[in-house]
Amino acid sequence: MRKGGSYALLAHEAGVAELSLPTGVDNLTIIPAVPDLMGADLEFSQTDRREFLLRDALKNVAAADQIFIDCPPGLGLLTLNALVAADAVLIPLQAEFFALEGISQLMRTIDMVKRHLNPSLALEGIVLTMTDKRNNLSEQVSTDVRGHFGADVFETAIPRNIRITEAPSHGLPVLLYDFRSAGAQAYLSLAAEFLKRSRARVPA
């Protein structure tokens, strides 16, 4: 029995075209997460090529299509599958002390995946999120991250914004929920910077 969503994709029970659902944004489809993913680490732990489940499931997707994989916060099998399948990693980093502590472990994991499982994996960049210019700790974390990672940190930072928090409860991305909000405008700026960086990497 198929359980649907991204679980079915990992289990190779269905393909991308069959599982993709339309959204309110033109040319954007989504394969949603499902509760069954909670047990995926254990369920797929003994599966052959368990690190390559997602890469194998995506191998027939057109090269021109852009795929964004949203990962859980832990470094379990689901995140490992995403890193093995991806061309690049975009790291959202909360401007908080403990988030800063955890990024070193994530960078070690990315390096391990690059050396052993996915040599083409690259760091797309780091995006500071939930920043607050009124908070000294938030500003200090932002300064430390930019000082350590330099140009790998996107110039755009996503501020704490009530509209971003409210949008999911209405079933909408913040750009459709409140286009004029500071949060929506920050994400627009981030998208523009992302495209600019991506185009700069493409050989002339």
C-alpha atoms as a PDB file:
ATOM      1  CA  MET A   1       0.000   0.000   0.000  1.00  0.00           C
ATOM      2  CA  ARG A   2       1.389   3.358  -1.043  1.00  0.00           C
ATOM      3  CA  LYS A   3       1.821   5.961   1.632  1.00  0.00           C
ATOM      4  CA  GLY A   4       2.268   8.854  -0.778  1.00  0.00           C
ATOM      5  CA  GLY A   5       4.349  12.007  -0.707  1.00  0.00           C
ATOM      6  CA  SER A   6       8.104  11.998  -0.368  1.00  0.00           C
ATOM      7  CA  TYR A   7       7.970   8.676   1.479  1.00  0.00           C
ATOM      8  CA  ALA A   8       6.681   6.977  -1.680  1.00  0.00           C
ATOM      9  CA  LEU A   9       9.453   8.655  -3.653  1.00  0.00           C
ATOM     10  CA  LEU A  10      12.160   7.325  -1.311  1.00  0.00           C
ATOM     11  CA  ALA A  11      10.566   3.865  -1.306  1.00  0.00           C
ATOM     12  CA  HIS A  12      10.456   3.932  -5.121  1.00  0.00           C
ATOM     13  CA  GLU A  13       6.731   3.229  -5.017  1.00  0.00           C
ATOM     14  CA  ALA A  14       5.995   6.145  -7.359  1.00  0.00           C
ATOM     15  CA  GLY A  15       7.866   8.684  -9.452  1.00  0.00           C
ATOM     16  CA  VAL A  16       8.275  12.447  -9.380  1.00  0.00           C
ATOM     17  CA  ALA A  17       5.626  13.133 -12.033  1.00  0.00           C
ATOM     18  CA  GLU A  18       3.042  10.983 -10.244  1.00  0.00           C
ATOM     19  CA  LEU A  19       3.670  12.472  -6.793  1.00  0.00           C
ATOM     20  CA  SER A  20       4.077  16.156  -7.697  1.00  0.00           C
ATOM     21  CA  LEU A  21       1.205  18.431  -6.676  1.00  0.00           C
ATOM     22  CA  PRO A  22       0.398  21.901  -8.052  1.00  0.00           C
ATOM     23  CA  THR A  23       0.792  25.013  -5.914  1.00  0.00           C
ATOM     24  CA  GLY A  24      -0.500  28.568  -6.086  1.00  0.00           C
ATOM     25  CA  VAL A  25       2.737  29.615  -7.789  1.00  0.00           C
ATOM     26  CA  ASP A  26       3.183  29.206 -11.550  1.00  0.00           C
ATOM     27  CA  ASN A  27       5.710  26.535 -12.605  1.00  0.00           C
ATOM     28  CA  LEU A  28       6.129  25.359  -9.011  1.00  0.00           C
ATOM     29  CA  THR A  29       5.075  21.891  -7.893  1.00  0.00           C
ATOM     30  CA  ILE A  30       5.718  20.148  -4.585  1.00  0.00           C
ATOM     31  CA  ILE A  31       6.084  16.626  -3.262  1.00  0.00           C
ATOM     32  CA  PRO A  32       4.970  17.004   0.358  1.00  0.00           C
ATOM     33  CA  ALA A  33       6.457  15.371   3.403  1.00  0.00           C
ATOM     34  CA  VAL A  34       4.217  12.831   5.130  1.00  0.00           C
ATOM     35  CA  PRO A  35       4.109  11.474   8.716  1.00  0.00           C
ATOM     36  CA  ASP A  36       5.564   8.140   7.551  1.00  0.00           C
ATOM     37  CA  LEU A  37       8.919   9.873   7.096  1.00  0.00           C
ATOM     38  CA  MET A  38       9.272   9.958  10.887  1.00  0.00           C
ATOM     39  CA  GLY A  39      10.267   6.281  10.831  1.00  0.00           C
ATOM     40  CA  ALA A  40      12.312   6.421   7.630  1.00  0.00           C
ATOM     41  CA  ASP A  41      15.727   6.287   9.340  1.00  0.00           C
ATOM     42  CA  LEU A  42      14.861   2.966  10.946  1.00  0.00           C
ATOM     43  CA  GLU A  43      12.778   1.565   8.100  1.00  0.00           C
ATOM     44  CA  PHE A  44      15.387   2.137   5.392  1.00  0.00           C
ATOM     45  CA  SER A  45      18.445   1.463   7.555  1.00  0.00           C
ATOM     46  CA  GLN A  46      18.981  -2.026   6.112  1.00  0.00           C
ATOM     47  CA  THR A  47      18.050  -1.132   2.528  1.00  0.00           C
ATOM     48  CA  ASP A  48      20.682  -1.591  -0.172  1.00  0.00           C
ATOM     49  CA  ARG A  49      22.168   1.728  -1.334  1.00  0.00           C
ATOM     50  CA  ARG A  50      20.184   3.470   1.398  1.00  0.00           C
ATOM     51  CA  GLU A  51      22.222   6.680   0.962  1.00  0.00           C
ATOM     52  CA  PHE A  52      21.248   6.825  -2.737  1.00  0.00           C
ATOM     53  CA  LEU A  53      17.478   6.321  -2.488  1.00  0.00           C
ATOM     54  CA  LEU A  54      16.655   9.933  -3.315  1.00  0.00           C
ATOM     55  CA  ARG A  55      19.331  10.324  -5.988  1.00  0.00           C
ATOM     56  CA  ASP A  56      18.046   7.215  -7.767  1.00  0.00           C
ATOM     57  CA  ALA A  57      14.457   8.458  -7.527  1.00  0.00           C
ATOM     58  CA  LEU A  58      15.405  11.790  -9.140  1.00  0.00           C
ATOM     59  CA  LYS A  59      17.682  10.482 -11.890  1.00  0.00           C
ATOM     60  CA  ASN A  60      15.070  10.839 -14.650  1.00  0.00           C
ATOM     61  CA  VAL A  61      14.103  14.430 -13.819  1.00  0.00           C
ATOM     62  CA  ALA A  62      14.910  16.874 -16.624  1.00  0.00           C
ATOM     63  CA  ALA A  63      18.255  18.610 -16.129  1.00  0.00           C
ATOM     64  CA  ALA A  64      16.624  22.010 -16.707  1.00  0.00           C
ATOM     65  CA  ASP A  65      14.336  21.592 -13.697  1.00  0.00           C
ATOM     66  CA  GLN A  66      15.396  23.198 -10.410  1.00  0.00           C
ATOM     67  CA  ILE A  67      14.741  20.975  -7.385  1.00  0.00           C
ATOM     68  CA  PHE A  68      14.861  22.285  -3.832  1.00  0.00           C
ATOM     69  CA  ILE A  69      14.976  19.656  -1.075  1.00  0.00           C
ATOM     70  CA  ASP A  70      13.883  20.839   2.358  1.00  0.00           C
ATOM     71  CA  CYS A  71      15.695  18.810   5.017  1.00  0.00           C
ATOM     72  CA  PRO A  72      14.858  18.031   8.649  1.00  0.00           C
ATOM     73  CA  PRO A  73      17.099  19.727  11.231  1.00  0.00           C
ATOM     74  CA  GLY A  74      18.888  16.501  12.206  1.00  0.00           C
ATOM     75  CA  LEU A  75      21.707  14.753  10.345  1.00  0.00           C
ATOM     76  CA  GLY A  76      19.959  11.404   9.871  1.00  0.00           C
ATOM     77  CA  LEU A  77      19.339   9.255   6.800  1.00  0.00           C
ATOM     78  CA  LEU A  78      16.896  11.719   5.221  1.00  0.00           C
ATOM     79  CA  THR A  79      19.403  14.577   5.296  1.00  0.00           C
ATOM     80  CA  LEU A  80      22.155  12.242   4.096  1.00  0.00           C
ATOM     81  CA  ASN A  81      19.989  11.247   1.120  1.00  0.00           C
ATOM     82  CA  ALA A  82      19.431  14.906   0.283  1.00  0.00           C
ATOM     83  CA  LEU A  83      23.164  15.657   0.416  1.00  0.00           C
ATOM     84  CA  VAL A  84      23.979  12.698  -1.818  1.00  0.00           C
ATOM     85  CA  ALA A  85      21.313  13.739  -4.350  1.00  0.00           C
ATOM     86  CA  ALA A  86      22.099  17.463  -4.370  1.00  0.00           C
ATOM     87  CA  ASP A  87      24.441  19.552  -6.475  1.00  0.00           C
ATOM     88  CA  ALA A  88      24.753  22.209  -3.778  1.00  0.00           C
ATOM     89  CA  VAL A  89      23.738  22.976  -0.194  1.00  0.00           C
ATOM     90  CA  LEU A  90      22.007  26.157   0.942  1.00  0.00           C
ATOM     91  CA  ILE A  91      22.242  26.441   4.742  1.00  0.00           C
ATOM     92  CA  PRO A  92      19.696  28.537   6.654  1.00  0.00           C
ATOM     93  CA  LEU A  93      21.313  29.574   9.921  1.00  0.00           C
ATOM     94  CA  GLN A  94      19.362  31.152  12.753  1.00  0.00           C
ATOM     95  CA  ALA A  95      21.205  34.081  14.257  1.00  0.00           C
ATOM     96  CA  GLU A  96      21.407  32.321  17.626  1.00  0.00           C
ATOM     97  CA  PHE A  97      24.307  30.880  19.613  1.00  0.00           C
ATOM     98  CA  PHE A  98      23.328  27.193  19.505  1.00  0.00           C
ATOM     99  CA  ALA A  99      22.712  27.321  15.750  1.00  0.00           C
ATOM    100  CA  LEU A 100      26.238  28.669  15.351  1.00  0.00           C
ATOM    101  CA  GLU A 101      27.549  25.792  17.458  1.00  0.00           C
ATOM    102  CA  GLY A 102      25.812  23.229  15.226  1.00  0.00           C
ATOM    103  CA  ILE A 103      27.074  24.495  11.881  1.00  0.00           C
ATOM    104  CA  SER A 104      30.552  23.045  12.444  1.00  0.00           C
ATOM    105  CA  GLN A 105      29.056  19.529  12.632  1.00  0.00           C
ATOM    106  CA  LEU A 106      27.038  20.165   9.489  1.00  0.00           C
ATOM    107  CA  MET A 107      30.118  21.358   7.608  1.00  0.00           C
ATOM    108  CA  ARG A 108      31.970  18.181   8.652  1.00  0.00           C
ATOM    109  CA  THR A 109      29.065  16.094   7.364  1.00  0.00           C
ATOM    110  CA  ILE A 110      29.044  17.948   4.042  1.00  0.00           C
ATOM    111  CA  ASP A 111      32.796  17.368   3.721  1.00  0.00           C
ATOM    112  CA  MET A 112      32.366  13.658   4.492  1.00  0.00           C
ATOM    113  CA  VAL A 113      29.615  13.300   1.871  1.00  0.00           C
ATOM    114  CA  LYS A 114      31.745  15.144  -0.685  1.00  0.00           C
ATOM    115  CA  ARG A 115      34.733  12.865  -0.071  1.00  0.00           C
ATOM    116  CA  HIS A 116      32.911   9.534  -0.006  1.00  0.00           C
ATOM    117  CA  LEU A 117      29.476   9.747  -1.637  1.00  0.00           C
ATOM    118  CA  ASN A 118      28.986  12.851  -3.787  1.00  0.00           C
ATOM    119  CA  PRO A 119      32.209  14.482  -5.080  1.00  0.00           C
ATOM    120  CA  SER A 120      30.270  17.179  -6.964  1.00  0.00           C
ATOM    121  CA  LEU A 121      28.553  18.518  -3.835  1.00  0.00           C
ATOM    122  CA  ALA A 122      29.210  22.221  -3.315  1.00  0.00           C
ATOM    123  CA  LEU A 123      28.304  24.837  -0.727  1.00  0.00           C
ATOM    124  CA  GLU A 124      25.765  27.193  -2.303  1.00  0.00           C
ATOM    125  CA  GLY A 125      25.969  29.497   0.677  1.00  0.00           C
ATOM    126  CA  ILE A 126      24.715  30.343   4.146  1.00  0.00           C
ATOM    127  CA  VAL A 127      21.583  32.418   4.747  1.00  0.00           C
ATOM    128  CA  LEU A 128      21.165  34.145   8.088  1.00  0.00           C
ATOM    129  CA  THR A 129      17.578  33.819   9.299  1.00  0.00           C
ATOM    130  CA  MET A 130      15.496  35.151  12.194  1.00  0.00           C
ATOM    131  CA  THR A 131      17.861  38.097  12.518  1.00  0.00           C
ATOM    132  CA  ASP A 132      16.961  40.971  14.823  1.00  0.00           C
ATOM    133  CA  LYS A 133      18.945  44.199  14.678  1.00  0.00           C
ATOM    134  CA  ARG A 134      17.598  45.146  18.130  1.00  0.00           C
ATOM    135  CA  ASN A 135      19.149  42.045  19.676  1.00  0.00           C
ATOM    136  CA  ASN A 136      22.860  42.312  20.482  1.00  0.00           C
ATOM    137  CA  LEU A 137      23.383  38.524  20.468  1.00  0.00           C
ATOM    138  CA  SER A 138      21.716  38.192  17.063  1.00  0.00           C
ATOM    139  CA  GLU A 139      23.943  40.924  15.674  1.00  0.00           C
ATOM    140  CA  GLN A 140      27.054  39.353  17.208  1.00  0.00           C
ATOM    141  CA  VAL A 141      26.242  35.925  15.741  1.00  0.00           C
ATOM    142  CA  SER A 142      25.665  37.518  12.322  1.00  0.00           C
ATOM    143  CA  THR A 143      28.994  39.331  12.541  1.00  0.00           C
ATOM    144  CA  ASP A 144      30.831  36.156  13.611  1.00  0.00           C
ATOM    145  CA  VAL A 145      29.321  34.085  10.788  1.00  0.00           C
ATOM    146  CA  ARG A 146      30.202  36.688   8.158  1.00  0.00           C
ATOM    147  CA  GLY A 147      33.698  37.025   9.597  1.00  0.00           C
ATOM    148  CA  HIS A 148      34.315  33.257   9.503  1.00  0.00           C
ATOM    149  CA  PHE A 149      32.614  32.256   6.242  1.00  0.00           C
ATOM    150  CA  GLY A 150      33.110  35.469   4.284  1.00  0.00           C
ATOM    151  CA  ALA A 151      31.625  35.457   0.780  1.00  0.00           C
ATOM    152  CA  ASP A 152      29.852  32.142   1.441  1.00  0.00           C
ATOM    153  CA  VAL A 153      27.274  34.108   3.472  1.00  0.00           C
ATOM    154  CA  PHE A 154      24.498  35.692   1.431  1.00  0.00           C
ATOM    155  CA  GLU A 155      24.244  39.446   1.765  1.00  0.00           C
ATOM    156  CA  THR A 156      20.495  39.078   2.231  1.00  0.00           C
ATOM    157  CA  ALA A 157      19.371  38.130   5.740  1.00  0.00           C
ATOM    158  CA  ILE A 158      15.838  37.069   6.687  1.00  0.00           C
ATOM    159  CA  PRO A 159      14.527  39.090   9.656  1.00  0.00           C
ATOM    160  CA  ARG A 160      12.198  37.953  12.390  1.00  0.00           C
ATOM    161  CA  ASN A 161       8.788  38.839  11.000  1.00  0.00           C
ATOM    162  CA  ILE A 162       5.308  38.026  12.264  1.00  0.00           C
ATOM    163  CA  ARG A 163       3.977  37.577   8.716  1.00  0.00           C
ATOM    164  CA  ILE A 164       6.436  34.734   8.076  1.00  0.00           C
ATOM    165  CA  THR A 165       5.186  33.054  11.254  1.00  0.00           C
ATOM    166  CA  GLU A 166       1.518  33.532  10.358  1.00  0.00           C
ATOM    167  CA  ALA A 167       1.694  32.421   6.710  1.00  0.00           C
ATOM    168  CA  PRO A 168       1.847  28.608   7.264  1.00  0.00           C
ATOM    169  CA  SER A 169      -1.317  28.653   9.389  1.00  0.00           C
ATOM    170  CA  HIS A 170      -3.106  30.056   6.337  1.00  0.00           C
ATOM    171  CA  GLY A 171      -1.616  27.448   4.039  1.00  0.00           C
ATOM    172  CA  LEU A 172       0.308  30.054   2.076  1.00  0.00           C
ATOM    173  CA  PRO A 173       3.922  31.063   1.484  1.00  0.00           C
ATOM    174  CA  VAL A 174       4.648  34.513   2.878  1.00  0.00           C
ATOM    175  CA  LEU A 175       4.911  35.953  -0.656  1.00  0.00           C
ATOM    176  CA  LEU A 176       1.243  35.134  -1.254  1.00  0.00           C
ATOM    177  CA  TYR A 177       0.124  35.842   2.306  1.00  0.00           C
ATOM    178  CA  ASP A 178       1.553  39.367   2.568  1.00  0.00           C
ATOM    179  CA  PHE A 179       3.687  40.394  -0.382  1.00  0.00           C
ATOM    180  CA  ARG A 180       4.549  43.798   1.109  1.00  0.00           C
ATOM    181  CA  SER A 181       5.743  42.479   4.465  1.00  0.00           C
ATOM    182  CA  ALA A 182       9.397  42.764   5.449  1.00  0.00           C
ATOM    183  CA  GLY A 183       9.686  38.972   5.454  1.00  0.00           C
ATOM    184  CA  ALA A 184       8.317  38.577   1.932  1.00  0.00           C
ATOM    185  CA  GLN A 185      10.536  41.325   0.585  1.00  0.00           C
ATOM    186  CA  ALA A 186      13.575  39.723   2.222  1.00  0.00           C
ATOM    187  CA  TYR A 187      12.817  36.406   0.511  1.00  0.00           C
ATOM    188  CA  LEU A 188      12.430  38.208  -2.828  1.00  0.00           C
ATOM    189  CA  SER A 189      15.843  39.769  -2.305  1.00  0.00           C
ATOM    190  CA  LEU A 190      17.278  36.371  -1.394  1.00  0.00           C
ATOM    191  CA  ALA A 191      15.842  34.810  -4.563  1.00  0.00           C
ATOM    192  CA  ALA A 192      17.381  37.565  -6.690  1.00  0.00           C
ATOM    193  CA  GLU A 193      20.763  37.108  -5.019  1.00  0.00           C
ATOM    194  CA  PHE A 194      20.522  33.324  -5.420  1.00  0.00           C
ATOM    195  CA  LEU A 195      19.867  33.666  -9.166  1.00  0.00           C
ATOM    196  CA  LYS A 196      22.698  36.162  -9.541  1.00  0.00           C
ATOM    197  CA  ARG A 197      25.141  33.808  -7.823  1.00  0.00           C
ATOM    198  CA  SER A 198      23.913  30.830  -9.858  1.00  0.00           C
ATOM    199  CA  ARG A 199      24.343  32.658 -13.164  1.00  0.00           C
ATOM    200  CA  ALA A 200      27.823  33.803 -12.172  1.00  0.00           C
ATOM    201  CA  ARG A 201      28.905  30.163 -11.809  1.00  0.00           C
ATOM    202  CA  VAL A 202      27.748  29.206 -15.307  1.00  0.00           C
ATOM    203  CA  PRO A 203      30.643  29.394 -17.812  1.00  0.00           C
ATOM    204  CA  ALA A 204      30.181  32.013 -20.533  1.00  0.00           C
END
